[in-house]
Every structure is written in structure tokens, then in C-alpha cells.
Amino acid sequence: IKHQYVVGFNHFFEDKEDVYIFLELCQS
């Protein structure tokens, strides 16, 4: 999804314990 009203996706990765999903930072 690429849309101006949806937080942008950067990438993801995982290690033994966690899954990390990196997204656009929305600041108020």
C-alpha cells in the first residue's frame, strides 16, 4: 500500500525472539 493517508512501510526483519516492522514515523 502506497497512499498519503496510510503510514508508509519501510522494511521488516526478524531475529530469534522478535519480528521488527519499520514504518514511517507520524508525529503530531
mmCIF file of all heavy atoms, coordinates in Angstrom:
data_MODEL
# 
_entry.id   MODEL 
# 
loop_
_atom_site.group_PDB 
_atom_site.id 
_atom_site.type_symbol 
_atom_site.label_atom_id 
_atom_site.label_alt_id 
_atom_site.label_comp_id 
_atom_site.label_asym_id 
_atom_site.label_entity_id 
_atom_site.label_seq_id 
_atom_site.pdbx_PDB_ins_code 
_atom_site.Cartn_x 
_atom_site.Cartn_y 
_atom_site.Cartn_z 
_atom_site.occupancy 
_atom_site.B_iso_or_equiv 
_atom_site.pdbx_formal_charge 
_atom_site.auth_seq_id 
_atom_site.auth_comp_id 
_atom_site.auth_asym_id 
_atom_site.auth_atom_id 
_atom_site.pdbx_PDB_model_num 
ATOM 1   N N   . ILE A 1 1  ? 0.840  -1.208  0.000  1.00 0.00 ? 1  ILE A N   1 
ATOM 2   C CA  . ILE A 1 1  ? 0.000  0.000   0.000  1.00 0.00 ? 1  ILE A CA  1 
ATOM 3   C C   . ILE A 1 1  ? 0.871  1.252   0.000  1.00 0.00 ? 1  ILE A C   1 
ATOM 4   O O   . ILE A 1 1  ? 1.739  1.416   0.850  1.00 0.00 ? 1  ILE A O   1 
ATOM 5   C CB  . ILE A 1 1  ? -0.927 0.018   1.233  1.00 0.00 ? 1  ILE A CB  1 
ATOM 6   C CG1 . ILE A 1 1  ? -1.909 -1.144  1.170  1.00 0.00 ? 1  ILE A CG1 1 
ATOM 7   C CG2 . ILE A 1 1  ? -1.663 1.347   1.330  1.00 0.00 ? 1  ILE A CG2 1 
ATOM 8   C CD1 . ILE A 1 1  ? -2.770 -1.283  2.408  1.00 0.00 ? 1  ILE A CD1 1 
ATOM 9   N N   . LYS A 1 2  ? 0.610  2.113   -0.947 1.00 0.00 ? 2  LYS A N   1 
ATOM 10  C CA  . LYS A 1 2  ? 1.264  3.421   -1.020 1.00 0.00 ? 2  LYS A CA  1 
ATOM 11  C C   . LYS A 1 2  ? 0.153  4.463   -1.127 1.00 0.00 ? 2  LYS A C   1 
ATOM 12  O O   . LYS A 1 2  ? -0.472 4.612   -2.170 1.00 0.00 ? 2  LYS A O   1 
ATOM 13  C CB  . LYS A 1 2  ? 2.179  3.524   -2.248 1.00 0.00 ? 2  LYS A CB  1 
ATOM 14  C CG  . LYS A 1 2  ? 3.215  2.438   -2.356 1.00 0.00 ? 2  LYS A CG  1 
ATOM 15  C CD  . LYS A 1 2  ? 4.388  2.710   -1.450 1.00 0.00 ? 2  LYS A CD  1 
ATOM 16  C CE  . LYS A 1 2  ? 5.516  1.746   -1.741 1.00 0.00 ? 2  LYS A CE  1 
ATOM 17  N NZ  . LYS A 1 2  ? 5.775  0.811   -0.696 1.00 0.00 ? 2  LYS A NZ  1 
ATOM 18  N N   . HIS A 1 3  ? -0.146 5.137   -0.017 1.00 0.00 ? 3  HIS A N   1 
ATOM 19  C CA  . HIS A 1 3  ? -1.227 6.114   -0.005 1.00 0.00 ? 3  HIS A CA  1 
ATOM 20  C C   . HIS A 1 3  ? -0.890 7.206   0.994  1.00 0.00 ? 3  HIS A C   1 
ATOM 21  O O   . HIS A 1 3  ? -0.307 6.930   2.048  1.00 0.00 ? 3  HIS A O   1 
ATOM 22  C CB  . HIS A 1 3  ? -2.548 5.432   0.381  1.00 0.00 ? 3  HIS A CB  1 
ATOM 23  C CG  . HIS A 1 3  ? -3.748 6.285   0.166  1.00 0.00 ? 3  HIS A CG  1 
ATOM 24  N ND1 . HIS A 1 3  ? -4.176 7.214   1.085  1.00 0.00 ? 3  HIS A ND1 1 
ATOM 25  C CD2 . HIS A 1 3  ? -4.609 6.346   -0.875 1.00 0.00 ? 3  HIS A CD2 1 
ATOM 26  C CE1 . HIS A 1 3  ? -5.260 7.820   0.625  1.00 0.00 ? 3  HIS A CE1 1 
ATOM 27  N NE2 . HIS A 1 3  ? -5.537 7.309   -0.560 1.00 0.00 ? 3  HIS A NE2 1 
ATOM 28  N N   . GLN A 1 4  ? -1.285 8.429   0.685  1.00 0.00 ? 4  GLN A N   1 
ATOM 29  C CA  . GLN A 1 4  ? -0.924 9.559   1.537  1.00 0.00 ? 4  GLN A CA  1 
ATOM 30  C C   . GLN A 1 4  ? -1.537 9.482   2.933  1.00 0.00 ? 4  GLN A C   1 
ATOM 31  O O   . GLN A 1 4  ? -1.035 10.113  3.861  1.00 0.00 ? 4  GLN A O   1 
ATOM 32  C CB  . GLN A 1 4  ? -1.307 10.876  0.874  1.00 0.00 ? 4  GLN A CB  1 
ATOM 33  C CG  . GLN A 1 4  ? -2.801 11.088  0.706  1.00 0.00 ? 4  GLN A CG  1 
ATOM 34  C CD  . GLN A 1 4  ? -3.107 12.407  0.021  1.00 0.00 ? 4  GLN A CD  1 
ATOM 35  O OE1 . GLN A 1 4  ? -2.214 13.105  -0.439 1.00 0.00 ? 4  GLN A OE1 1 
ATOM 36  N NE2 . GLN A 1 4  ? -4.379 12.751  -0.056 1.00 0.00 ? 4  GLN A NE2 1 
ATOM 37  N N   . TYR A 1 5  ? -2.623 8.727   3.111  1.00 0.00 ? 5  TYR A N   1 
ATOM 38  C CA  . TYR A 1 5  ? -3.270 8.637   4.413  1.00 0.00 ? 5  TYR A CA  1 
ATOM 39  C C   . TYR A 1 5  ? -2.996 7.319   5.138  1.00 0.00 ? 5  TYR A C   1 
ATOM 40  O O   . TYR A 1 5  ? -3.643 7.005   6.130  1.00 0.00 ? 5  TYR A O   1 
ATOM 41  C CB  . TYR A 1 5  ? -4.778 8.846   4.275  1.00 0.00 ? 5  TYR A CB  1 
ATOM 42  C CG  . TYR A 1 5  ? -5.109 10.224  3.759  1.00 0.00 ? 5  TYR A CG  1 
ATOM 43  C CD1 . TYR A 1 5  ? -5.799 10.400  2.569  1.00 0.00 ? 5  TYR A CD1 1 
ATOM 44  C CD2 . TYR A 1 5  ? -4.705 11.359  4.449  1.00 0.00 ? 5  TYR A CD2 1 
ATOM 45  C CE1 . TYR A 1 5  ? -6.100 11.664  2.086  1.00 0.00 ? 5  TYR A CE1 1 
ATOM 46  C CE2 . TYR A 1 5  ? -4.995 12.627  3.970  1.00 0.00 ? 5  TYR A CE2 1 
ATOM 47  C CZ  . TYR A 1 5  ? -5.687 12.774  2.796  1.00 0.00 ? 5  TYR A CZ  1 
ATOM 48  O OH  . TYR A 1 5  ? -5.969 14.022  2.327  1.00 0.00 ? 5  TYR A OH  1 
ATOM 49  N N   . VAL A 1 6  ? -2.051 6.547   4.636  1.00 0.00 ? 6  VAL A N   1 
ATOM 50  C CA  . VAL A 1 6  ? -1.666 5.292   5.274  1.00 0.00 ? 6  VAL A CA  1 
ATOM 51  C C   . VAL A 1 6  ? -0.180 5.376   5.632  1.00 0.00 ? 6  VAL A C   1 
ATOM 52  O O   . VAL A 1 6  ? 0.633  5.787   4.805  1.00 0.00 ? 6  VAL A O   1 
ATOM 53  C CB  . VAL A 1 6  ? -1.919 4.079   4.342  1.00 0.00 ? 6  VAL A CB  1 
ATOM 54  C CG1 . VAL A 1 6  ? -1.449 2.787   4.983  1.00 0.00 ? 6  VAL A CG1 1 
ATOM 55  C CG2 . VAL A 1 6  ? -3.392 3.998   3.976  1.00 0.00 ? 6  VAL A CG2 1 
ATOM 56  N N   . VAL A 1 7  ? 0.148  5.017   6.845  1.00 0.00 ? 7  VAL A N   1 
ATOM 57  C CA  . VAL A 1 7  ? 1.544  5.044   7.301  1.00 0.00 ? 7  VAL A CA  1 
ATOM 58  C C   . VAL A 1 7  ? 2.399  4.219   6.343  1.00 0.00 ? 7  VAL A C   1 
ATOM 59  O O   . VAL A 1 7  ? 2.048  3.094   5.998  1.00 0.00 ? 7  VAL A O   1 
ATOM 60  C CB  . VAL A 1 7  ? 1.656  4.479   8.738  1.00 0.00 ? 7  VAL A CB  1 
ATOM 61  C CG1 . VAL A 1 7  ? 3.097  4.337   9.166  1.00 0.00 ? 7  VAL A CG1 1 
ATOM 62  C CG2 . VAL A 1 7  ? 0.896  5.365   9.701  1.00 0.00 ? 7  VAL A CG2 1 
ATOM 63  N N   . GLY A 1 8  ? 3.535  4.784   5.933  1.00 0.00 ? 8  GLY A N   1 
ATOM 64  C CA  . GLY A 1 8  ? 4.415  4.114   4.976  1.00 0.00 ? 8  GLY A CA  1 
ATOM 65  C C   . GLY A 1 8  ? 5.207  2.970   5.610  1.00 0.00 ? 8  GLY A C   1 
ATOM 66  O O   . GLY A 1 8  ? 5.649  3.044   6.749  1.00 0.00 ? 8  GLY A O   1 
ATOM 67  N N   . PHE A 1 9  ? 5.363  1.903   4.836  1.00 0.00 ? 9  PHE A N   1 
ATOM 68  C CA  . PHE A 1 9  ? 6.134  0.729   5.252  1.00 0.00 ? 9  PHE A CA  1 
ATOM 69  C C   . PHE A 1 9  ? 7.566  0.899   4.766  1.00 0.00 ? 9  PHE A C   1 
ATOM 70  O O   . PHE A 1 9  ? 7.796  1.249   3.612  1.00 0.00 ? 9  PHE A O   1 
ATOM 71  C CB  . PHE A 1 9  ? 5.513  -0.522  4.619  1.00 0.00 ? 9  PHE A CB  1 
ATOM 72  C CG  . PHE A 1 9  ? 6.261  -1.786  4.902  1.00 0.00 ? 9  PHE A CG  1 
ATOM 73  C CD1 . PHE A 1 9  ? 5.973  -2.538  6.029  1.00 0.00 ? 9  PHE A CD1 1 
ATOM 74  C CD2 . PHE A 1 9  ? 7.248  -2.235  4.041  1.00 0.00 ? 9  PHE A CD2 1 
ATOM 75  C CE1 . PHE A 1 9  ? 6.656  -3.718  6.287  1.00 0.00 ? 9  PHE A CE1 1 
ATOM 76  C CE2 . PHE A 1 9  ? 7.935  -3.406  4.292  1.00 0.00 ? 9  PHE A CE2 1 
ATOM 77  C CZ  . PHE A 1 9  ? 7.637  -4.143  5.418  1.00 0.00 ? 9  PHE A CZ  1 
ATOM 78  N N   . ASN A 1 10 ? 8.549  0.663   5.633  1.00 0.00 ? 10 ASN A N   1 
ATOM 79  C CA  . ASN A 1 10 ? 9.953  0.734   5.234  1.00 0.00 ? 10 ASN A CA  1 
ATOM 80  C C   . ASN A 1 10 ? 10.529 -0.662  4.999  1.00 0.00 ? 10 ASN A C   1 
ATOM 81  O O   . ASN A 1 10 ? 10.921 -0.987  3.899  1.00 0.00 ? 10 ASN A O   1 
ATOM 82  C CB  . ASN A 1 10 ? 10.785 1.476   6.271  1.00 0.00 ? 10 ASN A CB  1 
ATOM 83  C CG  . ASN A 1 10 ? 10.474 2.959   6.310  1.00 0.00 ? 10 ASN A CG  1 
ATOM 84  O OD1 . ASN A 1 10 ? 10.029 3.523   5.328  1.00 0.00 ? 10 ASN A OD1 1 
ATOM 85  N ND2 . ASN A 1 10 ? 10.668 3.582   7.449  1.00 0.00 ? 10 ASN A ND2 1 
ATOM 86  N N   . HIS A 1 11 ? 10.588 -1.473  6.025  1.00 0.00 ? 11 HIS A N   1 
ATOM 87  C CA  . HIS A 1 11 ? 11.077 -2.847  5.891  1.00 0.00 ? 11 HIS A CA  1 
ATOM 88  C C   . HIS A 1 11 ? 10.805 -3.618  7.178  1.00 0.00 ? 11 HIS A C   1 
ATOM 89  O O   . HIS A 1 11 ? 10.311 -3.047  8.147  1.00 0.00 ? 11 HIS A O   1 
ATOM 90  C CB  . HIS A 1 11 ? 12.570 -2.883  5.544  1.00 0.00 ? 11 HIS A CB  1 
ATOM 91  C CG  . HIS A 1 11 ? 13.465 -2.392  6.644  1.00 0.00 ? 11 HIS A CG  1 
ATOM 92  N ND1 . HIS A 1 11 ? 13.653 -1.054  6.930  1.00 0.00 ? 11 HIS A ND1 1 
ATOM 93  C CD2 . HIS A 1 11 ? 14.208 -3.064  7.546  1.00 0.00 ? 11 HIS A CD2 1 
ATOM 94  C CE1 . HIS A 1 11 ? 14.478 -0.933  7.946  1.00 0.00 ? 11 HIS A CE1 1 
ATOM 95  N NE2 . HIS A 1 11 ? 14.824 -2.136  8.347  1.00 0.00 ? 11 HIS A NE2 1 
ATOM 96  N N   . PHE A 1 12 ? 11.107 -4.896  7.154  1.00 0.00 ? 12 PHE A N   1 
ATOM 97  C CA  . PHE A 1 12 ? 10.981 -5.696  8.370  1.00 0.00 ? 12 PHE A CA  1 
ATOM 98  C C   . PHE A 1 12 ? 12.107 -6.713  8.413  1.00 0.00 ? 12 PHE A C   1 
ATOM 99  O O   . PHE A 1 12 ? 12.732 -7.019  7.396  1.00 0.00 ? 12 PHE A O   1 
ATOM 100 C CB  . PHE A 1 12 ? 9.616  -6.401  8.450  1.00 0.00 ? 12 PHE A CB  1 
ATOM 101 C CG  . PHE A 1 12 ? 9.547  -7.711  7.728  1.00 0.00 ? 12 PHE A CG  1 
ATOM 102 C CD1 . PHE A 1 12 ? 9.661  -8.907  8.424  1.00 0.00 ? 12 PHE A CD1 1 
ATOM 103 C CD2 . PHE A 1 12 ? 9.376  -7.757  6.364  1.00 0.00 ? 12 PHE A CD2 1 
ATOM 104 C CE1 . PHE A 1 12 ? 9.595  -10.121 7.758  1.00 0.00 ? 12 PHE A CE1 1 
ATOM 105 C CE2 . PHE A 1 12 ? 9.313  -8.962  5.686  1.00 0.00 ? 12 PHE A CE2 1 
ATOM 106 C CZ  . PHE A 1 12 ? 9.424  -10.149 6.387  1.00 0.00 ? 12 PHE A CZ  1 
ATOM 107 N N   . PHE A 1 13 ? 12.377 -7.200  9.611  1.00 0.00 ? 13 PHE A N   1 
ATOM 108 C CA  . PHE A 1 13 ? 13.307 -8.315  9.779  1.00 0.00 ? 13 PHE A CA  1 
ATOM 109 C C   . PHE A 1 13 ? 12.948 -9.023  11.072 1.00 0.00 ? 13 PHE A C   1 
ATOM 110 O O   . PHE A 1 13 ? 12.139 -8.537  11.858 1.00 0.00 ? 13 PHE A O   1 
ATOM 111 C CB  . PHE A 1 13 ? 14.772 -7.857  9.760  1.00 0.00 ? 13 PHE A CB  1 
ATOM 112 C CG  . PHE A 1 13 ? 15.224 -7.135  10.993 1.00 0.00 ? 13 PHE A CG  1 
ATOM 113 C CD1 . PHE A 1 13 ? 15.800 -7.820  12.044 1.00 0.00 ? 13 PHE A CD1 1 
ATOM 114 C CD2 . PHE A 1 13 ? 15.074 -5.766  11.097 1.00 0.00 ? 13 PHE A CD2 1 
ATOM 115 C CE1 . PHE A 1 13 ? 16.224 -7.147  13.192 1.00 0.00 ? 13 PHE A CE1 1 
ATOM 116 C CE2 . PHE A 1 13 ? 15.494 -5.081  12.225 1.00 0.00 ? 13 PHE A CE2 1 
ATOM 117 C CZ  . PHE A 1 13 ? 16.070 -5.773  13.277 1.00 0.00 ? 13 PHE A CZ  1 
ATOM 118 N N   . GLU A 1 14 ? 13.524 -10.189 11.261 1.00 0.00 ? 14 GLU A N   1 
ATOM 119 C CA  . GLU A 1 14 ? 13.278 -10.928 12.490 1.00 0.00 ? 14 GLU A CA  1 
ATOM 120 C C   . GLU A 1 14 ? 14.569 -11.530 13.007 1.00 0.00 ? 14 GLU A C   1 
ATOM 121 O O   . GLU A 1 14 ? 15.507 -11.764 12.259 1.00 0.00 ? 14 GLU A O   1 
ATOM 122 C CB  . GLU A 1 14 ? 12.227 -12.013 12.264 1.00 0.00 ? 14 GLU A CB  1 
ATOM 123 C CG  . GLU A 1 14 ? 12.553 -13.021 11.189 1.00 0.00 ? 14 GLU A CG  1 
ATOM 124 C CD  . GLU A 1 14 ? 11.419 -13.995 10.957 1.00 0.00 ? 14 GLU A CD  1 
ATOM 125 O OE1 . GLU A 1 14 ? 11.172 -14.841 11.842 1.00 0.00 ? 14 GLU A OE1 1 
ATOM 126 O OE2 . GLU A 1 14 ? 10.789 -13.901 9.892  1.00 0.00 ? 14 GLU A OE2 1 
ATOM 127 N N   . ASP A 1 15 ? 14.587 -11.733 14.318 1.00 0.00 ? 15 ASP A N   1 
ATOM 128 C CA  . ASP A 1 15 ? 15.684 -12.457 14.953 1.00 0.00 ? 15 ASP A CA  1 
ATOM 129 C C   . ASP A 1 15 ? 15.078 -13.646 15.691 1.00 0.00 ? 15 ASP A C   1 
ATOM 130 O O   . ASP A 1 15 ? 13.918 -13.994 15.442 1.00 0.00 ? 15 ASP A O   1 
ATOM 131 C CB  . ASP A 1 15 ? 16.522 -11.541 15.860 1.00 0.00 ? 15 ASP A CB  1 
ATOM 132 C CG  . ASP A 1 15 ? 15.735 -10.913 16.998 1.00 0.00 ? 15 ASP A CG  1 
ATOM 133 O OD1 . ASP A 1 15 ? 14.651 -11.429 17.356 1.00 0.00 ? 15 ASP A OD1 1 
ATOM 134 O OD2 . ASP A 1 15 ? 16.213 -9.909  17.556 1.00 0.00 ? 15 ASP A OD2 1 
ATOM 135 N N   . LYS A 1 16 ? 15.817 -14.268 16.571 1.00 0.00 ? 16 LYS A N   1 
ATOM 136 C CA  . LYS A 1 16 ? 15.318 -15.448 17.269 1.00 0.00 ? 16 LYS A CA  1 
ATOM 137 C C   . LYS A 1 16 ? 14.072 -15.164 18.109 1.00 0.00 ? 16 LYS A C   1 
ATOM 138 O O   . LYS A 1 16 ? 13.213 -16.017 18.242 1.00 0.00 ? 16 LYS A O   1 
ATOM 139 C CB  . LYS A 1 16 ? 16.395 -16.028 18.196 1.00 0.00 ? 16 LYS A CB  1 
ATOM 140 C CG  . LYS A 1 16 ? 17.384 -16.909 17.518 1.00 0.00 ? 16 LYS A CG  1 
ATOM 141 C CD  . LYS A 1 16 ? 18.421 -17.536 18.437 1.00 0.00 ? 16 LYS A CD  1 
ATOM 142 C CE  . LYS A 1 16 ? 18.193 -17.353 19.901 1.00 0.00 ? 16 LYS A CE  1 
ATOM 143 N NZ  . LYS A 1 16 ? 19.243 -17.915 20.753 1.00 0.00 ? 16 LYS A NZ  1 
ATOM 144 N N   . GLU A 1 17 ? 13.978 -13.967 18.662 1.00 0.00 ? 17 GLU A N   1 
ATOM 145 C CA  . GLU A 1 17 ? 12.929 -13.673 19.631 1.00 0.00 ? 17 GLU A CA  1 
ATOM 146 C C   . GLU A 1 17 ? 11.808 -12.760 19.135 1.00 0.00 ? 17 GLU A C   1 
ATOM 147 O O   . GLU A 1 17 ? 10.689 -12.838 19.632 1.00 0.00 ? 17 GLU A O   1 
ATOM 148 C CB  . GLU A 1 17 ? 13.552 -13.062 20.880 1.00 0.00 ? 17 GLU A CB  1 
ATOM 149 C CG  . GLU A 1 17 ? 14.529 -13.999 21.560 1.00 0.00 ? 17 GLU A CG  1 
ATOM 150 C CD  . GLU A 1 17 ? 15.275 -13.347 22.698 1.00 0.00 ? 17 GLU A CD  1 
ATOM 151 O OE1 . GLU A 1 17 ? 15.036 -12.157 22.971 1.00 0.00 ? 17 GLU A OE1 1 
ATOM 152 O OE2 . GLU A 1 17 ? 16.099 -14.037 23.319 1.00 0.00 ? 17 GLU A OE2 1 
ATOM 153 N N   . ASP A 1 18 ? 12.099 -11.873 18.173 1.00 0.00 ? 18 ASP A N   1 
ATOM 154 C CA  . ASP A 1 18 ? 11.133 -10.849 17.786 1.00 0.00 ? 18 ASP A CA  1 
ATOM 155 C C   . ASP A 1 18 ? 11.055 -10.662 16.272 1.00 0.00 ? 18 ASP A C   1 
ATOM 156 O O   . ASP A 1 18 ? 11.975 -11.011 15.540 1.00 0.00 ? 18 ASP A O   1 
ATOM 157 C CB  . ASP A 1 18 ? 11.515 -9.498  18.400 1.00 0.00 ? 18 ASP A CB  1 
ATOM 158 C CG  . ASP A 1 18 ? 11.590 -9.532  19.909 1.00 0.00 ? 18 ASP A CG  1 
ATOM 159 O OD1 . ASP A 1 18 ? 10.595 -9.924  20.539 1.00 0.00 ? 18 ASP A OD1 1 
ATOM 160 O OD2 . ASP A 1 18 ? 12.647 -9.178  20.455 1.00 0.00 ? 18 ASP A OD2 1 
ATOM 161 N N   . VAL A 1 19 ? 9.940  -10.037 15.844 1.00 0.00 ? 19 VAL A N   1 
ATOM 162 C CA  . VAL A 1 19 ? 9.774  -9.562  14.473 1.00 0.00 ? 19 VAL A CA  1 
ATOM 163 C C   . VAL A 1 19 ? 9.701  -8.041  14.562 1.00 0.00 ? 19 VAL A C   1 
ATOM 164 O O   . VAL A 1 19 ? 8.952  -7.496  15.387 1.00 0.00 ? 19 VAL A O   1 
ATOM 165 C CB  . VAL A 1 19 ? 8.485  -10.112 13.827 1.00 0.00 ? 19 VAL A CB  1 
ATOM 166 C CG1 . VAL A 1 19 ? 8.310  -9.556  12.421 1.00 0.00 ? 19 VAL A CG1 1 
ATOM 167 C CG2 . VAL A 1 19 ? 8.493  -11.634 13.797 1.00 0.00 ? 19 VAL A CG2 1 
ATOM 168 N N   . TYR A 1 20 ? 10.469 -7.350  13.741 1.00 0.00 ? 20 TYR A N   1 
ATOM 169 C CA  . TYR A 1 20 ? 10.547 -5.885  13.756 1.00 0.00 ? 20 TYR A CA  1 
ATOM 170 C C   . TYR A 1 20 ? 9.980  -5.357  12.445 1.00 0.00 ? 20 TYR A C   1 
ATOM 171 O O   . TYR A 1 20 ? 10.458 -5.712  11.372 1.00 0.00 ? 20 TYR A O   1 
ATOM 172 C CB  . TYR A 1 20 ? 11.990 -5.409  13.892 1.00 0.00 ? 20 TYR A CB  1 
ATOM 173 C CG  . TYR A 1 20 ? 12.683 -5.930  15.127 1.00 0.00 ? 20 TYR A CG  1 
ATOM 174 C CD1 . TYR A 1 20 ? 13.305 -7.180  15.131 1.00 0.00 ? 20 TYR A CD1 1 
ATOM 175 C CD2 . TYR A 1 20 ? 12.715 -5.178  16.284 1.00 0.00 ? 20 TYR A CD2 1 
ATOM 176 C CE1 . TYR A 1 20 ? 13.939 -7.664  16.259 1.00 0.00 ? 20 TYR A CE1 1 
ATOM 177 C CE2 . TYR A 1 20 ? 13.358 -5.656  17.431 1.00 0.00 ? 20 TYR A CE2 1 
ATOM 178 C CZ  . TYR A 1 20 ? 13.957 -6.895  17.402 1.00 0.00 ? 20 TYR A CZ  1 
ATOM 179 O OH  . TYR A 1 20 ? 14.588 -7.372  18.524 1.00 0.00 ? 20 TYR A OH  1 
ATOM 180 N N   . ILE A 1 21 ? 8.971  -4.502  12.537 1.00 0.00 ? 21 ILE A N   1 
ATOM 181 C CA  . ILE A 1 21 ? 8.356  -3.897  11.358 1.00 0.00 ? 21 ILE A CA  1 
ATOM 182 C C   . ILE A 1 21 ? 8.622  -2.395  11.437 1.00 0.00 ? 21 ILE A C   1 
ATOM 183 O O   . ILE A 1 21 ? 8.153  -1.718  12.358 1.00 0.00 ? 21 ILE A O   1 
ATOM 184 C CB  . ILE A 1 21 ? 6.839  -4.171  11.318 1.00 0.00 ? 21 ILE A CB  1 
ATOM 185 C CG1 . ILE A 1 21 ? 6.566  -5.676  11.387 1.00 0.00 ? 21 ILE A CG1 1 
ATOM 186 C CG2 . ILE A 1 21 ? 6.235  -3.563  10.053 1.00 0.00 ? 21 ILE A CG2 1 
ATOM 187 C CD1 . ILE A 1 21 ? 5.105  -6.028  11.587 1.00 0.00 ? 21 ILE A CD1 1 
ATOM 188 N N   . PHE A 1 22 ? 9.384  -1.878  10.484 1.00 0.00 ? 22 PHE A N   1 
ATOM 189 C CA  . PHE A 1 22 ? 9.752  -0.461  10.476 1.00 0.00 ? 22 PHE A CA  1 
ATOM 190 C C   . PHE A 1 22 ? 8.819  0.320   9.568  1.00 0.00 ? 22 PHE A C   1 
ATOM 191 O O   . PHE A 1 22 ? 8.636  -0.021  8.404  1.00 0.00 ? 22 PHE A O   1 
ATOM 192 C CB  . PHE A 1 22 ? 11.207 -0.284  10.040 1.00 0.00 ? 22 PHE A CB  1 
ATOM 193 C CG  . PHE A 1 22 ? 12.166 -0.744  11.095 1.00 0.00 ? 22 PHE A CG  1 
ATOM 194 C CD1 . PHE A 1 22 ? 12.568 -2.064  11.170 1.00 0.00 ? 22 PHE A CD1 1 
ATOM 195 C CD2 . PHE A 1 22 ? 12.645 0.151   12.037 1.00 0.00 ? 22 PHE A CD2 1 
ATOM 196 C CE1 . PHE A 1 22 ? 13.432 -2.493  12.164 1.00 0.00 ? 22 PHE A CE1 1 
ATOM 197 C CE2 . PHE A 1 22 ? 13.504 -0.262  13.031 1.00 0.00 ? 22 PHE A CE2 1 
ATOM 198 C CZ  . PHE A 1 22 ? 13.899 -1.588  13.102 1.00 0.00 ? 22 PHE A CZ  1 
ATOM 199 N N   . LEU A 1 23 ? 8.238  1.387   10.131 1.00 0.00 ? 23 LEU A N   1 
ATOM 200 C CA  . LEU A 1 23 ? 7.234  2.182   9.462  1.00 0.00 ? 23 LEU A CA  1 
ATOM 201 C C   . LEU A 1 23 ? 7.592  3.661   9.514  1.00 0.00 ? 23 LEU A C   1 
ATOM 202 O O   . LEU A 1 23 ? 8.434  4.081   10.310 1.00 0.00 ? 23 LEU A O   1 
ATOM 203 C CB  . LEU A 1 23 ? 5.881  1.987   10.157 1.00 0.00 ? 23 LEU A CB  1 
ATOM 204 C CG  . LEU A 1 23 ? 5.402  0.542   10.319 1.00 0.00 ? 23 LEU A CG  1 
ATOM 205 C CD1 . LEU A 1 23 ? 4.254  0.476   11.321 1.00 0.00 ? 23 LEU A CD1 1 
ATOM 206 C CD2 . LEU A 1 23 ? 4.995  -0.013  8.984  1.00 0.00 ? 23 LEU A CD2 1 
ATOM 207 N N   . GLU A 1 24 ? 6.922  4.423   8.688  1.00 0.00 ? 24 GLU A N   1 
ATOM 208 C CA  . GLU A 1 24 ? 7.063  5.868   8.711  1.00 0.00 ? 24 GLU A CA  1 
ATOM 209 C C   . GLU A 1 24 ? 6.645  6.377   10.091 1.00 0.00 ? 24 GLU A C   1 
ATOM 210 O O   . GLU A 1 24 ? 5.652  5.925   10.656 1.00 0.00 ? 24 GLU A O   1 
ATOM 211 C CB  . GLU A 1 24 ? 6.129  6.436   7.632  1.00 0.00 ? 24 GLU A CB  1 
ATOM 212 C CG  . GLU A 1 24 ? 5.927  7.914   7.658  1.00 0.00 ? 24 GLU A CG  1 
ATOM 213 C CD  . GLU A 1 24 ? 4.851  8.359   6.673  1.00 0.00 ? 24 GLU A CD  1 
ATOM 214 O OE1 . GLU A 1 24 ? 4.098  7.518   6.145  1.00 0.00 ? 24 GLU A OE1 1 
ATOM 215 O OE2 . GLU A 1 24 ? 4.778  9.563   6.455  1.00 0.00 ? 24 GLU A OE2 1 
ATOM 216 N N   . LEU A 1 25 ? 7.399  7.301   10.637 1.00 0.00 ? 25 LEU A N   1 
ATOM 217 C CA  . LEU A 1 25 ? 7.069  7.893   11.936 1.00 0.00 ? 25 LEU A CA  1 
ATOM 218 C C   . LEU A 1 25 ? 6.102  9.053   11.734 1.00 0.00 ? 25 LEU A C   1 
ATOM 219 O O   . LEU A 1 25 ? 6.380  9.970   10.970 1.00 0.00 ? 25 LEU A O   1 
ATOM 220 C CB  . LEU A 1 25 ? 8.335  8.381   12.640 1.00 0.00 ? 25 LEU A CB  1 
ATOM 221 C CG  . LEU A 1 25 ? 8.134  9.017   14.007 1.00 0.00 ? 25 LEU A CG  1 
ATOM 222 C CD1 . LEU A 1 25 ? 7.591  7.994   14.986 1.00 0.00 ? 25 LEU A CD1 1 
ATOM 223 C CD2 . LEU A 1 25 ? 9.423  9.606   14.516 1.00 0.00 ? 25 LEU A CD2 1 
ATOM 224 N N   . CYS A 1 26 ? 4.950  8.984   12.390 1.00 0.00 ? 26 CYS A N   1 
ATOM 225 C CA  . CYS A 1 26 ? 3.957  10.050  12.320 1.00 0.00 ? 26 CYS A CA  1 
ATOM 226 C C   . CYS A 1 26 ? 4.042  10.849  13.604 1.00 0.00 ? 26 CYS A C   1 
ATOM 227 O O   . CYS A 1 26 ? 3.846  10.302  14.687 1.00 0.00 ? 26 CYS A O   1 
ATOM 228 C CB  . CYS A 1 26 ? 2.565  9.469   12.161 1.00 0.00 ? 26 CYS A CB  1 
ATOM 229 S SG  . CYS A 1 26 ? 2.340  8.536   10.662 1.00 0.00 ? 26 CYS A SG  1 
ATOM 230 N N   . GLN A 1 27 ? 4.355  12.109  13.462 1.00 0.00 ? 27 GLN A N   1 
ATOM 231 C CA  . GLN A 1 27 ? 4.448  12.974  14.638 1.00 0.00 ? 27 GLN A CA  1 
ATOM 232 C C   . GLN A 1 27 ? 3.278  13.932  14.645 1.00 0.00 ? 27 GLN A C   1 
ATOM 233 O O   . GLN A 1 27 ? 2.849  14.413  13.611 1.00 0.00 ? 27 GLN A O   1 
ATOM 234 C CB  . GLN A 1 27 ? 5.766  13.723  14.633 1.00 0.00 ? 27 GLN A CB  1 
ATOM 235 C CG  . GLN A 1 27 ? 6.946  12.784  14.709 1.00 0.00 ? 27 GLN A CG  1 
ATOM 236 C CD  . GLN A 1 27 ? 8.277  13.527  14.677 1.00 0.00 ? 27 GLN A CD  1 
ATOM 237 O OE1 . GLN A 1 27 ? 8.331  14.683  14.339 1.00 0.00 ? 27 GLN A OE1 1 
ATOM 238 N NE2 . GLN A 1 27 ? 9.330  12.828  15.034 1.00 0.00 ? 27 GLN A NE2 1 
ATOM 239 N N   . SER A 1 28 ? 2.773  14.216  15.844 1.00 0.00 ? 28 SER A N   1 
ATOM 240 C CA  . SER A 1 28 ? 1.617  15.124  15.950 1.00 0.00 ? 28 SER A CA  1 
ATOM 241 C C   . SER A 1 28 ? 2.043  16.559  16.000 1.00 0.00 ? 28 SER A C   1 
ATOM 242 O O   . SER A 1 28 ? 3.140  16.939  16.125 1.00 0.00 ? 28 SER A O   1 
ATOM 243 C CB  . SER A 1 28 ? 0.812  14.790  17.191 1.00 0.00 ? 28 SER A CB  1 
ATOM 244 O OG  . SER A 1 28 ? 1.628  14.815  18.333 1.00 0.00 ? 28 SER A OG  1 
# 
